Amino acid sequence: MTAQEIKNKIDSISYYQNRHIKSNALNVCDVMIKSKLLTEYGKSVVEKIKTEIEKIKDPWLWNDKPEFTDLHDIQNKINKLYRILE
């Protein structure tokens, strides 16, 4: 994938009501790690962000109300991924 395609993918998952934001963020990390766009250092940064996302519990609860702190943390990690591509 090109950098613009990955940015578009990040943009498509970065909205408030996205119930699968954690799994989508992990998928974006995998795509970035497999791509040839990043240096080894860039890939290690993405791997670090991926492990941080994995540690965050899924923000969507059974009663359709997200846990805002977890949602905010994941959104911050997604923003970091986006900045890596700029």
N, C-alpha and C. Protein backbone atom coordinates (compact mmCIF):
# COMPACT_ATOMS: atom_id res chain seq x y z
N MET A 1 0.82 -1.18 0.00
CA MET A 1 0.00 0.00 0.00
C MET A 1 0.87 1.25 0.00
N THR A 2 0.35 2.28 -0.60
CA THR A 2 1.06 3.54 -0.59
C THR A 2 0.77 4.28 0.72
N ALA A 3 1.53 5.31 0.96
CA ALA A 3 1.32 6.10 2.18
C ALA A 3 -0.06 6.74 2.18
N GLN A 4 -0.51 7.20 1.01
CA GLN A 4 -1.82 7.84 0.93
C GLN A 4 -2.93 6.82 1.19
N GLU A 5 -2.79 5.61 0.72
CA GLU A 5 -3.80 4.58 0.98
C GLU A 5 -3.88 4.26 2.46
N ILE A 6 -2.74 4.21 3.13
CA ILE A 6 -2.75 3.95 4.56
C ILE A 6 -3.37 5.13 5.31
N LYS A 7 -3.05 6.35 4.89
CA LYS A 7 -3.67 7.52 5.50
C LYS A 7 -5.19 7.50 5.33
N ASN A 8 -5.64 7.11 4.15
CA ASN A 8 -7.09 7.01 3.90
C ASN A 8 -7.72 5.96 4.80
N LYS A 9 -7.02 4.86 4.99
CA LYS A 9 -7.52 3.81 5.88
C LYS A 9 -7.61 4.32 7.32
N ILE A 10 -6.61 5.07 7.76
CA ILE A 10 -6.63 5.65 9.10
C ILE A 10 -7.79 6.64 9.21
N ASP A 11 -7.98 7.46 8.18
CA ASP A 11 -9.09 8.42 8.20
C ASP A 11 -10.43 7.71 8.29
N SER A 12 -10.55 6.57 7.62
CA SER A 12 -11.83 5.87 7.60
C SER A 12 -12.18 5.22 8.94
N ILE A 13 -11.18 4.97 9.80
CA ILE A 13 -11.49 4.36 11.10
C ILE A 13 -11.52 5.39 12.22
N SER A 14 -11.17 6.63 11.92
CA SER A 14 -11.04 7.65 12.96
C SER A 14 -12.32 8.45 13.15
N TYR A 15 -13.38 7.78 13.49
CA TYR A 15 -14.60 8.50 13.81
C TYR A 15 -15.16 7.98 15.12
N TYR A 16 -15.95 8.79 15.76
CA TYR A 16 -16.38 8.54 17.13
C TYR A 16 -17.17 7.25 17.31
N GLN A 17 -18.09 6.94 16.45
CA GLN A 17 -18.97 5.79 16.64
C GLN A 17 -18.41 4.48 16.08
N ASN A 18 -17.15 4.43 15.76
CA ASN A 18 -16.53 3.22 15.23
C ASN A 18 -16.41 2.18 16.34
N ARG A 19 -17.22 1.14 16.26
CA ARG A 19 -17.24 0.11 17.29
C ARG A 19 -16.02 -0.81 17.23
N HIS A 20 -15.36 -0.84 16.11
CA HIS A 20 -14.22 -1.74 15.93
C HIS A 20 -12.91 -0.97 15.85
N ILE A 21 -12.84 0.13 16.56
CA ILE A 21 -11.68 1.01 16.44
C ILE A 21 -10.39 0.32 16.89
N LYS A 22 -10.46 -0.50 17.91
CA LYS A 22 -9.25 -1.16 18.40
C LYS A 22 -8.75 -2.18 17.38
N SER A 23 -9.61 -3.03 16.89
CA SER A 23 -9.16 -4.04 15.93
C SER A 23 -8.73 -3.40 14.62
N ASN A 24 -9.42 -2.34 14.20
CA ASN A 24 -9.01 -1.64 12.99
C ASN A 24 -7.65 -0.97 13.16
N ALA A 25 -7.40 -0.41 14.33
CA ALA A 25 -6.10 0.21 14.59
C ALA A 25 -4.99 -0.83 14.57
N LEU A 26 -5.26 -2.00 15.12
CA LEU A 26 -4.27 -3.08 15.08
C LEU A 26 -4.01 -3.54 13.65
N ASN A 27 -5.07 -3.57 12.84
CA ASN A 27 -4.91 -3.95 11.43
C ASN A 27 -4.06 -2.92 10.68
N VAL A 28 -4.26 -1.65 10.97
CA VAL A 28 -3.45 -0.60 10.34
C VAL A 28 -1.99 -0.76 10.75
N CYS A 29 -1.75 -1.08 12.00
CA CYS A 29 -0.37 -1.32 12.46
C CYS A 29 0.26 -2.46 11.67
N ASP A 30 -0.47 -3.54 11.48
CA ASP A 30 0.05 -4.67 10.72
C ASP A 30 0.38 -4.28 9.29
N VAL A 31 -0.50 -3.50 8.68
CA VAL A 31 -0.27 -3.05 7.30
C VAL A 31 0.97 -2.18 7.23
N MET A 32 1.13 -1.30 8.19
CA MET A 32 2.30 -0.42 8.19
C MET A 32 3.60 -1.20 8.42
N ILE A 33 3.56 -2.19 9.28
CA ILE A 33 4.75 -2.99 9.54
C ILE A 33 5.15 -3.79 8.31
N LYS A 34 4.16 -4.30 7.57
CA LYS A 34 4.44 -5.10 6.38
C LYS A 34 4.82 -4.26 5.17
N SER A 35 4.47 -2.99 5.19
CA SER A 35 4.76 -2.14 4.03
C SER A 35 6.25 -1.85 3.94
N LYS A 36 6.64 -1.42 2.76
CA LYS A 36 8.05 -1.08 2.53
C LYS A 36 8.29 0.41 2.62
N LEU A 37 7.33 1.13 3.18
CA LEU A 37 7.43 2.59 3.28
C LEU A 37 8.29 3.05 4.43
N LEU A 38 8.37 2.24 5.48
CA LEU A 38 9.03 2.67 6.70
C LEU A 38 10.43 2.07 6.83
N THR A 39 11.26 2.80 7.53
CA THR A 39 12.58 2.28 7.86
C THR A 39 12.43 1.29 9.02
N GLU A 40 13.52 0.67 9.40
CA GLU A 40 13.48 -0.26 10.53
C GLU A 40 13.09 0.47 11.81
N TYR A 41 13.58 1.69 11.96
CA TYR A 41 13.21 2.48 13.14
C TYR A 41 11.71 2.79 13.12
N GLY A 42 11.19 3.16 11.96
CA GLY A 42 9.77 3.45 11.84
C GLY A 42 8.92 2.24 12.16
N LYS A 43 9.36 1.08 11.69
CA LYS A 43 8.62 -0.15 11.99
C LYS A 43 8.67 -0.48 13.47
N SER A 44 9.80 -0.20 14.12
CA SER A 44 9.87 -0.48 15.56
C SER A 44 8.96 0.47 16.35
N VAL A 45 8.82 1.70 15.88
CA VAL A 45 7.91 2.64 16.52
C VAL A 45 6.47 2.16 16.36
N VAL A 46 6.12 1.69 15.17
CA VAL A 46 4.77 1.18 14.93
C VAL A 46 4.51 -0.06 15.79
N GLU A 47 5.50 -0.92 15.93
CA GLU A 47 5.34 -2.11 16.78
C GLU A 47 5.11 -1.71 18.24
N LYS A 48 5.80 -0.67 18.68
CA LYS A 48 5.62 -0.18 20.04
C LYS A 48 4.20 0.36 20.22
N ILE A 49 3.72 1.12 19.25
CA ILE A 49 2.35 1.65 19.31
C ILE A 49 1.35 0.50 19.30
N LYS A 50 1.63 -0.53 18.51
CA LYS A 50 0.73 -1.69 18.45
C LYS A 50 0.63 -2.37 19.80
N THR A 51 1.75 -2.55 20.49
CA THR A 51 1.69 -3.19 21.81
C THR A 51 0.95 -2.30 22.80
N GLU A 52 1.08 -0.98 22.66
CA GLU A 52 0.34 -0.08 23.54
C GLU A 52 -1.17 -0.18 23.29
N ILE A 53 -1.55 -0.31 22.03
CA ILE A 53 -2.98 -0.47 21.70
C ILE A 53 -3.51 -1.79 22.23
N GLU A 54 -2.70 -2.84 22.13
CA GLU A 54 -3.13 -4.15 22.62
C GLU A 54 -3.39 -4.13 24.12
N LYS A 55 -2.67 -3.31 24.85
CA LYS A 55 -2.84 -3.23 26.30
C LYS A 55 -4.11 -2.50 26.72
N ILE A 56 -4.64 -1.67 25.83
CA ILE A 56 -5.87 -0.91 26.12
C ILE A 56 -7.06 -1.84 25.94
N LYS A 57 -7.97 -1.82 26.92
CA LYS A 57 -9.14 -2.68 26.77
C LYS A 57 -10.08 -2.09 25.73
N ASP A 58 -10.91 -2.94 25.16
CA ASP A 58 -11.85 -2.51 24.13
C ASP A 58 -12.78 -1.45 24.71
N PRO A 59 -12.86 -0.28 24.09
CA PRO A 59 -13.63 0.82 24.70
C PRO A 59 -15.15 0.65 24.65
N TRP A 60 -15.64 -0.22 23.79
CA TRP A 60 -17.09 -0.35 23.66
C TRP A 60 -17.61 -1.38 24.64
N LEU A 61 -18.52 -0.97 25.49
CA LEU A 61 -19.11 -1.82 26.51
C LEU A 61 -20.38 -2.47 25.99
N TRP A 62 -20.92 -3.35 26.78
CA TRP A 62 -22.12 -4.09 26.36
C TRP A 62 -23.35 -3.20 26.25
N ASN A 63 -23.37 -2.06 26.89
CA ASN A 63 -24.55 -1.20 26.89
C ASN A 63 -24.47 -0.09 25.85
N ASP A 64 -23.66 -0.26 24.84
CA ASP A 64 -23.52 0.69 23.74
C ASP A 64 -22.99 2.05 24.15
N LYS A 65 -22.28 2.11 25.24
CA LYS A 65 -21.65 3.35 25.65
C LYS A 65 -20.15 3.10 25.74
N PRO A 66 -19.38 3.90 25.01
CA PRO A 66 -17.93 3.67 25.04
C PRO A 66 -17.30 4.19 26.32
N GLU A 67 -16.21 3.58 26.68
CA GLU A 67 -15.37 4.08 27.77
C GLU A 67 -14.48 5.16 27.15
N PHE A 68 -14.74 6.40 27.51
CA PHE A 68 -14.12 7.52 26.81
C PHE A 68 -12.61 7.58 26.97
N THR A 69 -12.10 7.20 28.12
CA THR A 69 -10.65 7.27 28.31
C THR A 69 -9.94 6.27 27.40
N ASP A 70 -10.48 5.05 27.29
CA ASP A 70 -9.89 4.06 26.40
C ASP A 70 -10.05 4.47 24.94
N LEU A 71 -11.20 5.01 24.61
CA LEU A 71 -11.45 5.47 23.24
C LEU A 71 -10.48 6.60 22.88
N HIS A 72 -10.28 7.50 23.82
CA HIS A 72 -9.36 8.62 23.61
C HIS A 72 -7.92 8.12 23.47
N ASP A 73 -7.53 7.15 24.28
CA ASP A 73 -6.18 6.59 24.19
C ASP A 73 -5.93 5.95 22.82
N ILE A 74 -6.91 5.19 22.34
CA ILE A 74 -6.75 4.54 21.04
C ILE A 74 -6.69 5.60 19.94
N GLN A 75 -7.53 6.62 20.06
CA GLN A 75 -7.51 7.69 19.06
C GLN A 75 -6.16 8.40 19.03
N ASN A 76 -5.56 8.61 20.19
CA ASN A 76 -4.23 9.22 20.23
C ASN A 76 -3.20 8.35 19.54
N LYS A 77 -3.29 7.04 19.73
CA LYS A 77 -2.35 6.13 19.07
C LYS A 77 -2.54 6.15 17.56
N ILE A 78 -3.80 6.24 17.12
CA ILE A 78 -4.07 6.32 15.69
C ILE A 78 -3.47 7.60 15.12
N ASN A 79 -3.58 8.69 15.85
CA ASN A 79 -3.00 9.96 15.41
C ASN A 79 -1.48 9.85 15.29
N LYS A 80 -0.86 9.12 16.21
CA LYS A 80 0.59 8.91 16.12
C LYS A 80 0.95 8.14 14.86
N LEU A 81 0.14 7.13 14.53
CA LEU A 81 0.38 6.36 13.31
C LEU A 81 0.29 7.26 12.08
N TYR A 82 -0.70 8.14 12.09
CA TYR A 82 -0.87 9.06 10.96
C TYR A 82 0.33 9.99 10.83
N ARG A 83 0.83 10.49 11.96
CA ARG A 83 1.98 11.40 11.91
C ARG A 83 3.25 10.72 11.43
N ILE A 84 3.35 9.43 11.63
CA ILE A 84 4.53 8.70 11.15
C ILE A 84 4.59 8.75 9.62
N LEU A 85 3.44 8.74 8.99
CA LEU A 85 3.40 8.74 7.53
C LEU A 85 3.57 10.12 6.90
N GLU A 86 3.51 11.15 7.69
CA GLU A 86 3.65 12.51 7.13
C GLU A 86 5.08 12.89 6.89
